[in-house]
Amino acid sequence: MSEFTLPDMSCGHCVASITKAVQALDAQAKLQFDLPSHKVQVESQLSQAALVAALTEAGYPPAN
């Protein structure tokens, strides 16, 4: 499982966009969001680098 801090994530629309971006590459990916802390945990077969690329391309570059 990977955890990312996404400073630009702030609402349900953000959650939907991030979920769609990750699941487009790994349909079985599971994501858990904590909006107040801007954190997302991702359980996926994708590499850390692939997840960072997907998040960045979706407009939510990780801070870590």
PDB file of N, CA and C in Angstrom:
ATOM      1  N   MET A   1       0.844  -1.177   0.000  1.00  0.00           N
ATOM      2  CA  MET A   1       0.000   0.000   0.000  1.00  0.00           C
ATOM      3  C   MET A   1       0.890   1.242   0.000  1.00  0.00           C
ATOM      4  N   SER A   2       0.479   2.213  -0.787  1.00  0.00           N
ATOM      5  CA  SER A   2       1.195   3.482  -0.876  1.00  0.00           C
ATOM      6  C   SER A   2       0.325   4.590  -0.305  1.00  0.00           C
ATOM      7  N   GLU A   3       0.956   5.558   0.334  1.00  0.00           N
ATOM      8  CA  GLU A   3       0.226   6.706   0.860  1.00  0.00           C
ATOM      9  C   GLU A   3       0.819   7.975   0.279  1.00  0.00           C
ATOM     10  N   PHE A   4      -0.074   8.872  -0.126  1.00  0.00           N
ATOM     11  CA  PHE A   4       0.344  10.130  -0.723  1.00  0.00           C
ATOM     12  C   PHE A   4      -0.382  11.286  -0.055  1.00  0.00           C
ATOM     13  N   THR A   5       0.295  12.413   0.042  1.00  0.00           N
ATOM     14  CA  THR A   5      -0.330  13.662   0.461  1.00  0.00           C
ATOM     15  C   THR A   5      -0.566  14.476  -0.802  1.00  0.00           C
ATOM     16  N   LEU A   6      -1.833  14.831  -1.027  1.00  0.00           N
ATOM     17  CA  LEU A   6      -2.220  15.562  -2.229  1.00  0.00           C
ATOM     18  C   LEU A   6      -2.771  16.931  -1.813  1.00  0.00           C
ATOM     19  N   PRO A   7      -1.920  17.956  -1.767  1.00  0.00           N
ATOM     20  CA  PRO A   7      -2.345  19.273  -1.280  1.00  0.00           C
ATOM     21  C   PRO A   7      -3.541  19.861  -2.030  1.00  0.00           C
ATOM     22  N   ASP A   8      -3.703  19.520  -3.310  1.00  0.00           N
ATOM     23  CA  ASP A   8      -4.779  20.100  -4.117  1.00  0.00           C
ATOM     24  C   ASP A   8      -6.097  19.343  -4.003  1.00  0.00           C
ATOM     25  N   MET A   9      -6.139  18.239  -3.260  1.00  0.00           N
ATOM     26  CA  MET A   9      -7.363  17.452  -3.097  1.00  0.00           C
ATOM     27  C   MET A   9      -8.197  18.063  -1.978  1.00  0.00           C
ATOM     28  N   SER A  10      -9.446  18.454  -2.308  1.00  0.00           N
ATOM     29  CA  SER A  10     -10.238  19.135  -1.289  1.00  0.00           C
ATOM     30  C   SER A  10     -11.717  18.772  -1.269  1.00  0.00           C
ATOM     31  N   CYS A  11     -12.195  17.962  -2.224  1.00  0.00           N
ATOM     32  CA  CYS A  11     -13.641  17.729  -2.283  1.00  0.00           C
ATOM     33  C   CYS A  11     -13.964  16.375  -2.916  1.00  0.00           C
ATOM     34  N   GLY A  12     -15.237  16.078  -2.960  1.00  0.00           N
ATOM     35  CA  GLY A  12     -15.697  14.828  -3.547  1.00  0.00           C
ATOM     36  C   GLY A  12     -15.372  14.710  -5.022  1.00  0.00           C
ATOM     37  N   HIS A  13     -15.374  15.829  -5.733  1.00  0.00           N
ATOM     38  CA  HIS A  13     -15.009  15.797  -7.153  1.00  0.00           C
ATOM     39  C   HIS A  13     -13.550  15.374  -7.306  1.00  0.00           C
ATOM     40  N   CYS A  14     -12.693  15.866  -6.440  1.00  0.00           N
ATOM     41  CA  CYS A  14     -11.282  15.479  -6.452  1.00  0.00           C
ATOM     42  C   CYS A  14     -11.149  13.969  -6.242  1.00  0.00           C
ATOM     43  N   VAL A  15     -11.877  13.452  -5.263  1.00  0.00           N
ATOM     44  CA  VAL A  15     -11.848  12.019  -4.957  1.00  0.00           C
ATOM     45  C   VAL A  15     -12.254  11.216  -6.188  1.00  0.00           C
ATOM     46  N   ALA A  16     -13.326  11.634  -6.860  1.00  0.00           N
ATOM     47  CA  ALA A  16     -13.804  10.924  -8.049  1.00  0.00           C
ATOM     48  C   ALA A  16     -12.768  10.972  -9.169  1.00  0.00           C
ATOM     49  N   SER A  17     -12.149  12.117  -9.376  1.00  0.00           N
ATOM     50  CA  SER A  17     -11.141  12.262 -10.431  1.00  0.00           C
ATOM     51  C   SER A  17      -9.919  11.392 -10.161  1.00  0.00           C
ATOM     52  N   ILE A  18      -9.485  11.369  -8.919  1.00  0.00           N
ATOM     53  CA  ILE A  18      -8.317  10.572  -8.538  1.00  0.00           C
ATOM     54  C   ILE A  18      -8.629   9.084  -8.678  1.00  0.00           C
ATOM     55  N   THR A  19      -9.790   8.680  -8.202  1.00  0.00           N
ATOM     56  CA  THR A  19     -10.194   7.277  -8.308  1.00  0.00           C
ATOM     57  C   THR A  19     -10.239   6.850  -9.769  1.00  0.00           C
ATOM     58  N   LYS A  20     -10.838   7.658 -10.605  1.00  0.00           N
ATOM     59  CA  LYS A  20     -10.952   7.346 -12.033  1.00  0.00           C
ATOM     60  C   LYS A  20      -9.570   7.220 -12.677  1.00  0.00           C
ATOM     61  N   ALA A  21      -8.662   8.128 -12.354  1.00  0.00           N
ATOM     62  CA  ALA A  21      -7.323   8.117 -12.943  1.00  0.00           C
ATOM     63  C   ALA A  21      -6.551   6.862 -12.562  1.00  0.00           C
ATOM     64  N   VAL A  22      -6.620   6.476 -11.291  1.00  0.00           N
ATOM     65  CA  VAL A  22      -5.886   5.292 -10.838  1.00  0.00           C
ATOM     66  C   VAL A  22      -6.542   4.023 -11.373  1.00  0.00           C
ATOM     67  N   GLN A  23      -7.864   3.940 -11.294  1.00  0.00           N
ATOM     68  CA  GLN A  23      -8.549   2.727 -11.733  1.00  0.00           C
ATOM     69  C   GLN A  23      -8.546   2.562 -13.249  1.00  0.00           C
ATOM     70  N   ALA A  24      -8.251   3.609 -13.991  1.00  0.00           N
ATOM     71  CA  ALA A  24      -8.088   3.478 -15.440  1.00  0.00           C
ATOM     72  C   ALA A  24      -6.857   2.633 -15.759  1.00  0.00           C
ATOM     73  N   LEU A  25      -5.878   2.652 -14.861  1.00  0.00           N
ATOM     74  CA  LEU A  25      -4.650   1.879 -15.045  1.00  0.00           C
ATOM     75  C   LEU A  25      -4.672   0.556 -14.299  1.00  0.00           C
ATOM     76  N   ASP A  26      -5.423   0.488 -13.207  1.00  0.00           N
ATOM     77  CA  ASP A  26      -5.564  -0.735 -12.409  1.00  0.00           C
ATOM     78  C   ASP A  26      -6.993  -0.777 -11.876  1.00  0.00           C
ATOM     79  N   ALA A  27      -7.852  -1.485 -12.595  1.00  0.00           N
ATOM     80  CA  ALA A  27      -9.280  -1.526 -12.252  1.00  0.00           C
ATOM     81  C   ALA A  27      -9.529  -2.110 -10.868  1.00  0.00           C
ATOM     82  N   GLN A  28      -8.590  -2.894 -10.345  1.00  0.00           N
ATOM     83  CA  GLN A  28      -8.747  -3.524  -9.040  1.00  0.00           C
ATOM     84  C   GLN A  28      -8.195  -2.675  -7.898  1.00  0.00           C
ATOM     85  N   ALA A  29      -7.654  -1.525  -8.212  1.00  0.00           N
ATOM     86  CA  ALA A  29      -7.057  -0.659  -7.185  1.00  0.00           C
ATOM     87  C   ALA A  29      -8.105  -0.244  -6.160  1.00  0.00           C
ATOM     88  N   LYS A  30      -7.670  -0.179  -4.901  1.00  0.00           N
ATOM     89  CA  LYS A  30      -8.533   0.268  -3.806  1.00  0.00           C
ATOM     90  C   LYS A  30      -7.922   1.535  -3.226  1.00  0.00           C
ATOM     91  N   LEU A  31      -8.757   2.556  -3.079  1.00  0.00           N
ATOM     92  CA  LEU A  31      -8.289   3.839  -2.573  1.00  0.00           C
ATOM     93  C   LEU A  31      -9.071   4.223  -1.331  1.00  0.00           C
ATOM     94  N   GLN A  32      -8.365   4.774  -0.344  1.00  0.00           N
ATOM     95  CA  GLN A  32      -8.989   5.286   0.875  1.00  0.00           C
ATOM     96  C   GLN A  32      -8.549   6.733   1.031  1.00  0.00           C
ATOM     97  N   PHE A  33      -9.522   7.614   1.212  1.00  0.00           N
ATOM     98  CA  PHE A  33      -9.256   9.046   1.260  1.00  0.00           C
ATOM     99  C   PHE A  33      -9.492   9.619   2.648  1.00  0.00           C
ATOM    100  N   ASP A  34      -8.661  10.597   3.003  1.00  0.00           N
ATOM    101  CA  ASP A  34      -8.851  11.402   4.206  1.00  0.00           C
ATOM    102  C   ASP A  34      -8.751  12.861   3.754  1.00  0.00           C
ATOM    103  N   LEU A  35      -9.905  13.432   3.394  1.00  0.00           N
ATOM    104  CA  LEU A  35      -9.912  14.796   2.854  1.00  0.00           C
ATOM    105  C   LEU A  35      -9.319  15.842   3.796  1.00  0.00           C
ATOM    106  N   PRO A  36      -9.654  15.831   5.100  1.00  0.00           N
ATOM    107  CA  PRO A  36      -9.103  16.879   5.976  1.00  0.00           C
ATOM    108  C   PRO A  36      -7.571  16.919   5.996  1.00  0.00           C
ATOM    109  N   SER A  37      -6.933  15.755   5.888  1.00  0.00           N
ATOM    110  CA  SER A  37      -5.467  15.725   5.913  1.00  0.00           C
ATOM    111  C   SER A  37      -4.862  15.660   4.510  1.00  0.00           C
ATOM    112  N   HIS A  38      -5.717  15.629   3.484  1.00  0.00           N
ATOM    113  CA  HIS A  38      -5.281  15.586   2.081  1.00  0.00           C
ATOM    114  C   HIS A  38      -4.470  14.327   1.771  1.00  0.00           C
ATOM    115  N   LYS A  39      -4.811  13.213   2.416  1.00  0.00           N
ATOM    116  CA  LYS A  39      -4.073  11.967   2.208  1.00  0.00           C
ATOM    117  C   LYS A  39      -4.937  10.934   1.487  1.00  0.00           C
ATOM    118  N   VAL A  40      -4.261  10.119   0.681  1.00  0.00           N
ATOM    119  CA  VAL A  40      -4.914   8.985   0.034  1.00  0.00           C
ATOM    120  C   VAL A  40      -3.994   7.778   0.178  1.00  0.00           C
ATOM    121  N   GLN A  41      -4.595   6.643   0.501  1.00  0.00           N
ATOM    122  CA  GLN A  41      -3.879   5.377   0.540  1.00  0.00           C
ATOM    123  C   GLN A  41      -4.350   4.564  -0.654  1.00  0.00           C
ATOM    124  N   VAL A  42      -3.395   4.001  -1.379  1.00  0.00           N
ATOM    125  CA  VAL A  42      -3.713   3.261  -2.591  1.00  0.00           C
ATOM    126  C   VAL A  42      -3.145   1.854  -2.486  1.00  0.00           C
ATOM    127  N   GLU A  43      -4.021   0.874  -2.665  1.00  0.00           N
ATOM    128  CA  GLU A  43      -3.609  -0.523  -2.751  1.00  0.00           C
ATOM    129  C   GLU A  43      -3.750  -0.908  -4.212  1.00  0.00           C
ATOM    130  N   SER A  44      -2.608  -1.179  -4.872  1.00  0.00           N
ATOM    131  CA  SER A  44      -2.615  -1.379  -6.315  1.00  0.00           C
ATOM    132  C   SER A  44      -1.436  -2.235  -6.741  1.00  0.00           C
ATOM    133  N   GLN A  45      -1.573  -2.824  -7.928  1.00  0.00           N
ATOM    134  CA  GLN A  45      -0.470  -3.571  -8.535  1.00  0.00           C
ATOM    135  C   GLN A  45       0.512  -2.627  -9.227  1.00  0.00           C
ATOM    136  N   LEU A  46       0.129  -1.363  -9.363  1.00  0.00           N
ATOM    137  CA  LEU A  46       0.989  -0.387 -10.026  1.00  0.00           C
ATOM    138  C   LEU A  46       2.189  -0.037  -9.150  1.00  0.00           C
ATOM    139  N   SER A  47       3.280   0.314  -9.792  1.00  0.00           N
ATOM    140  CA  SER A  47       4.463   0.748  -9.050  1.00  0.00           C
ATOM    141  C   SER A  47       4.221   2.126  -8.448  1.00  0.00           C
ATOM    142  N   GLN A  48       5.045   2.482  -7.486  1.00  0.00           N
ATOM    143  CA  GLN A  48       4.960   3.806  -6.861  1.00  0.00           C
ATOM    144  C   GLN A  48       5.100   4.894  -7.928  1.00  0.00           C
ATOM    145  N   ALA A  49       6.041   4.704  -8.848  1.00  0.00           N
ATOM    146  CA  ALA A  49       6.270   5.696  -9.904  1.00  0.00           C
ATOM    147  C   ALA A  49       5.050   5.828 -10.811  1.00  0.00           C
ATOM    148  N   ALA A  50       4.402   4.704 -11.128  1.00  0.00           N
ATOM    149  CA  ALA A  50       3.210   4.743 -11.982  1.00  0.00           C
ATOM    150  C   ALA A  50       2.062   5.454 -11.273  1.00  0.00           C
ATOM    151  N   LEU A  51       1.939   5.244  -9.972  1.00  0.00           N
ATOM    152  CA  LEU A  51       0.897   5.929  -9.207  1.00  0.00           C
ATOM    153  C   LEU A  51       1.153   7.434  -9.163  1.00  0.00           C
ATOM    154  N   VAL A  52       2.393   7.820  -8.921  1.00  0.00           N
ATOM    155  CA  VAL A  52       2.742   9.248  -8.900  1.00  0.00           C
ATOM    156  C   VAL A  52       2.431   9.871 -10.258  1.00  0.00           C
ATOM    157  N   ALA A  53       2.775   9.173 -11.340  1.00  0.00           N
ATOM    158  CA  ALA A  53       2.509   9.691 -12.684  1.00  0.00           C
ATOM    159  C   ALA A  53       1.009   9.846 -12.923  1.00  0.00           C
ATOM    160  N   ALA A  54       0.212   8.858 -12.503  1.00  0.00           N
ATOM    161  CA  ALA A  54      -1.243   8.918 -12.693  1.00  0.00           C
ATOM    162  C   ALA A  54      -1.850  10.066 -11.896  1.00  0.00           C
ATOM    163  N   LEU A  55      -1.408  10.234 -10.662  1.00  0.00           N
ATOM    164  CA  LEU A  55      -1.922  11.319  -9.820  1.00  0.00           C
ATOM    165  C   LEU A  55      -1.538  12.688 -10.388  1.00  0.00           C
ATOM    166  N   THR A  56      -0.306  12.798 -10.835  1.00  0.00           N
ATOM    167  CA  THR A  56       0.174  14.060 -11.395  1.00  0.00           C
ATOM    168  C   THR A  56      -0.573  14.402 -12.678  1.00  0.00           C
ATOM    169  N   GLU A  57      -0.764  13.403 -13.536  1.00  0.00           N
ATOM    170  CA  GLU A  57      -1.479  13.621 -14.794  1.00  0.00           C
ATOM    171  C   GLU A  57      -2.933  14.031 -14.542  1.00  0.00           C
ATOM    172  N   ALA A  58      -3.512  13.528 -13.459  1.00  0.00           N
ATOM    173  CA  ALA A  58      -4.893  13.877 -13.114  1.00  0.00           C
ATOM    174  C   ALA A  58      -4.988  15.280 -12.503  1.00  0.00           C
ATOM    175  N   GLY A  59      -3.833  15.896 -12.220  1.00  0.00           N
ATOM    176  CA  GLY A  59      -3.833  17.248 -11.666  1.00  0.00           C
ATOM    177  C   GLY A  59      -3.645  17.310 -10.165  1.00  0.00           C
ATOM    178  N   TYR A  60      -3.220  16.193  -9.574  1.00  0.00           N
ATOM    179  CA  TYR A  60      -3.036  16.119  -8.120  1.00  0.00           C
ATOM    180  C   TYR A  60      -1.643  15.588  -7.795  1.00  0.00           C
ATOM    181  N   PRO A  61      -0.603  16.365  -8.079  1.00  0.00           N
ATOM    182  CA  PRO A  61       0.754  15.883  -7.807  1.00  0.00           C
ATOM    183  C   PRO A  61       0.990  15.699  -6.308  1.00  0.00           C
ATOM    184  N   PRO A  62       1.552  14.558  -5.928  1.00  0.00           N
ATOM    185  CA  PRO A  62       1.828  14.309  -4.507  1.00  0.00           C
ATOM    186  C   PRO A  62       2.906  15.245  -3.966  1.00  0.00           C
ATOM    187  N   ALA A  63       2.753  15.599  -2.696  1.00  0.00           N
ATOM    188  CA  ALA A  63       3.740  16.444  -2.027  1.00  0.00           C
ATOM    189  C   ALA A  63       4.914  15.613  -1.532  1.00  0.00           C
ATOM    190  N   ASN A  64       4.721  14.298  -1.393  1.00  0.00           N
ATOM    191  CA  ASN A  64       5.791  13.443  -0.860  1.00  0.00           C
ATOM    192  C   ASN A  64       6.325  12.514  -1.907  1.00  0.00           C
TER     193      ASN A  64
END
